[in-house]
C-alpha atoms as a PDB file:
ATOM      1  CA  MET A   1      89.581  90.991  91.461  1.00  0.00           C
ATOM      2  CA  ARG A   2      86.714  93.440  91.817  1.00  0.00           C
ATOM      3  CA  LYS A   3      87.301  94.157  95.300  1.00  0.00           C
ATOM      4  CA  TYR A   4      91.284  95.191  94.176  1.00  0.00           C
ATOM      5  CA  ILE A   5      89.795  97.539  92.016  1.00  0.00           C
ATOM      6  CA  ILE A   6      87.044  98.886  94.597  1.00  0.00           C
ATOM      7  CA  ALA A   7      90.250  99.303  96.911  1.00  0.00           C
ATOM      8  CA  PHE A   8      92.971 101.121  94.905  1.00  0.00           C
ATOM      9  CA  LEU A   9      90.212 103.643  93.972  1.00  0.00           C
ATOM     10  CA  ALA A  10      89.076 104.069  97.292  1.00  0.00           C
ATOM     11  CA  LEU A  11      93.235 104.926  97.781  1.00  0.00           C
ATOM     12  CA  ALA A  12      93.497 107.428  94.731  1.00  0.00           C
ATOM     13  CA  ILE A  13      90.152 109.124  96.011  1.00  0.00           C
ATOM     14  CA  LEU A  14      91.632 109.850  99.403  1.00  0.00           C
ATOM     15  CA  SER A  15      95.217 110.917  97.879  1.00  0.00           C
ATOM     16  CA  LEU A  16      93.653 113.234  96.081  1.00  0.00           C
ATOM     17  CA  LEU A  17      91.937 115.018  99.168  1.00  0.00           C
ATOM     18  CA  PRO A  18      94.856 116.951 100.857  1.00  0.00           C
ATOM     19  CA  GLU A  19      93.002 119.572 102.918  1.00  0.00           C
ATOM     20  CA  LEU A  20      91.958 116.195 105.347  1.00  0.00           C
ATOM     21  CA  GLY A  21      95.438 116.096 106.055  1.00  0.00           C
ATOM     22  CA  LEU A  22      96.611 119.593 106.553  1.00  0.00           C
ATOM     23  CA  ALA A  23      93.289 119.988 109.194  1.00  0.00           C
ATOM     24  CA  GLN A  24      96.430 120.155 112.060  1.00  0.00           C
ATOM     25  CA  CYS A  25      99.368 121.423 110.785  1.00  0.00           C
ATOM     26  CA  ALA A  26      98.083 125.155 112.190  1.00  0.00           C
ATOM     27  CA  MET A  27      98.248 123.509 115.719  1.00  0.00           C
ATOM     28  CA  CYS A  28     101.577 121.278 115.241  1.00  0.00           C
ATOM     29  CA  LYS A  29     103.296 124.299 113.825  1.00  0.00           C
ATOM     30  CA  ALA A  30     102.271 126.769 117.195  1.00  0.00           C
ATOM     31  CA  VAL A  31     103.280 124.180 119.408  1.00  0.00           C
ATOM     32  CA  ALA A  32     106.724 123.821 118.103  1.00  0.00           C
ATOM     33  CA  GLU A  33     107.607 127.373 117.509  1.00  0.00           C
ATOM     34  CA  SER A  34     106.071 128.307 120.969  1.00  0.00           C
ATOM     35  CA  SER A  35     108.393 125.402 122.710  1.00  0.00           C
ATOM     36  CA  SER A  36     111.150 125.542 120.916  1.00  0.00           C
ATOM     37  CA  GLY A  37     114.284 123.091 122.288  1.00  0.00           C
ATOM     38  CA  SER A  38     111.865 121.661 124.971  1.00  0.00           C
ATOM     39  CA  THR A  39     110.468 118.536 124.937  1.00  0.00           C
ATOM     40  CA  ALA A  40     107.125 118.776 123.467  1.00  0.00           C
ATOM     41  CA  ALA A  41     109.047 119.925 120.189  1.00  0.00           C
ATOM     42  CA  LYS A  42     111.621 116.916 120.479  1.00  0.00           C
ATOM     43  CA  GLY A  43     108.311 114.428 120.997  1.00  0.00           C
ATOM     44  CA  LEU A  44     106.406 116.189 118.181  1.00  0.00           C
ATOM     45  CA  ASN A  45     109.434 115.880 115.318  1.00  0.00           C
ATOM     46  CA  ASN A  46     110.131 112.217 117.010  1.00  0.00           C
ATOM     47  CA  GLY A  47     106.304 111.561 116.365  1.00  0.00           C
ATOM     48  CA  ILE A  48     106.419 112.758 112.896  1.00  0.00           C
ATOM     49  CA  LEU A  49     109.164 110.747 112.010  1.00  0.00           C
ATOM     50  CA  PHE A  50     107.411 107.579 113.089  1.00  0.00           C
ATOM     51  CA  LEU A  51     104.047 108.952 111.049  1.00  0.00           C
ATOM     52  CA  MET A  52     106.449 108.911 108.199  1.00  0.00           C
ATOM     53  CA  PHE A  53     108.182 105.966 108.524  1.00  0.00           C
ATOM     54  CA  ILE A  54     105.188 103.493 108.732  1.00  0.00           C
ATOM     55  CA  PRO A  55     104.269 103.829 105.101  1.00  0.00           C
ATOM     56  CA  TYR A  56     107.547 103.250 104.075  1.00  0.00           C
ATOM     57  CA  LEU A  57     108.190  99.897 105.917  1.00  0.00           C
ATOM     58  CA  MET A  58     104.290  98.852 104.412  1.00  0.00           C
ATOM     59  CA  MET A  59     105.625  99.206 101.556  1.00  0.00           C
ATOM     60  CA  GLY A  60     108.733  97.703 101.879  1.00  0.00           C
ATOM     61  CA  VAL A  61     106.876  94.464 103.340  1.00  0.00           C
ATOM     62  CA  VAL A  62     104.773  94.640 100.544  1.00  0.00           C
ATOM     63  CA  ALA A  63     107.585  94.474  97.794  1.00  0.00           C
ATOM     64  CA  VAL A  64     109.405  92.261  99.850  1.00  0.00           C
ATOM     65  CA  SER A  65     106.399  89.756  99.861  1.00  0.00           C
ATOM     66  CA  TRP A  66     105.594  90.143  96.277  1.00  0.00           C
ATOM     67  CA  TYR A  67     109.400  89.560  94.947  1.00  0.00           C
ATOM     68  CA  PHE A  68     109.514  86.474  96.937  1.00  0.00           C
ATOM     69  CA  TYR A  69     106.146  85.332  95.702  1.00  0.00           C
ATOM     70  CA  LYS A  70     106.834  85.684  92.002  1.00  0.00           C
ATOM     71  CA  ARG A  71     110.132  84.089  92.960  1.00  0.00           C
ATOM     72  CA  LYS A  72     108.474  81.348  94.144  1.00  0.00           C
ATOM     73  CA  GLY A  73     106.399  81.000  91.007  1.00  0.00           C
ATOM     74  CA  GLN A  74     109.570  81.036  88.631  1.00  0.00           C
ATOM     75  CA  VAL A  75     111.172  77.619  90.478  1.00  0.00           C
END
């Protein structure tokens, strides 16, 4: 139980530090603006969509696993 509390606190602290995630935003914006319509801009957009998809996929897997675990316990 203690390791779950420590993991939760670590994730909570990391989520409160947004400046770590904003380090490359200026560079991405400059690349996208300088090469609009090119393959670099399309690749950048695809990369952003891919990075957005992974957390939702992980949350979905956890939610489905939790649902089936709880359902199995009730039977």
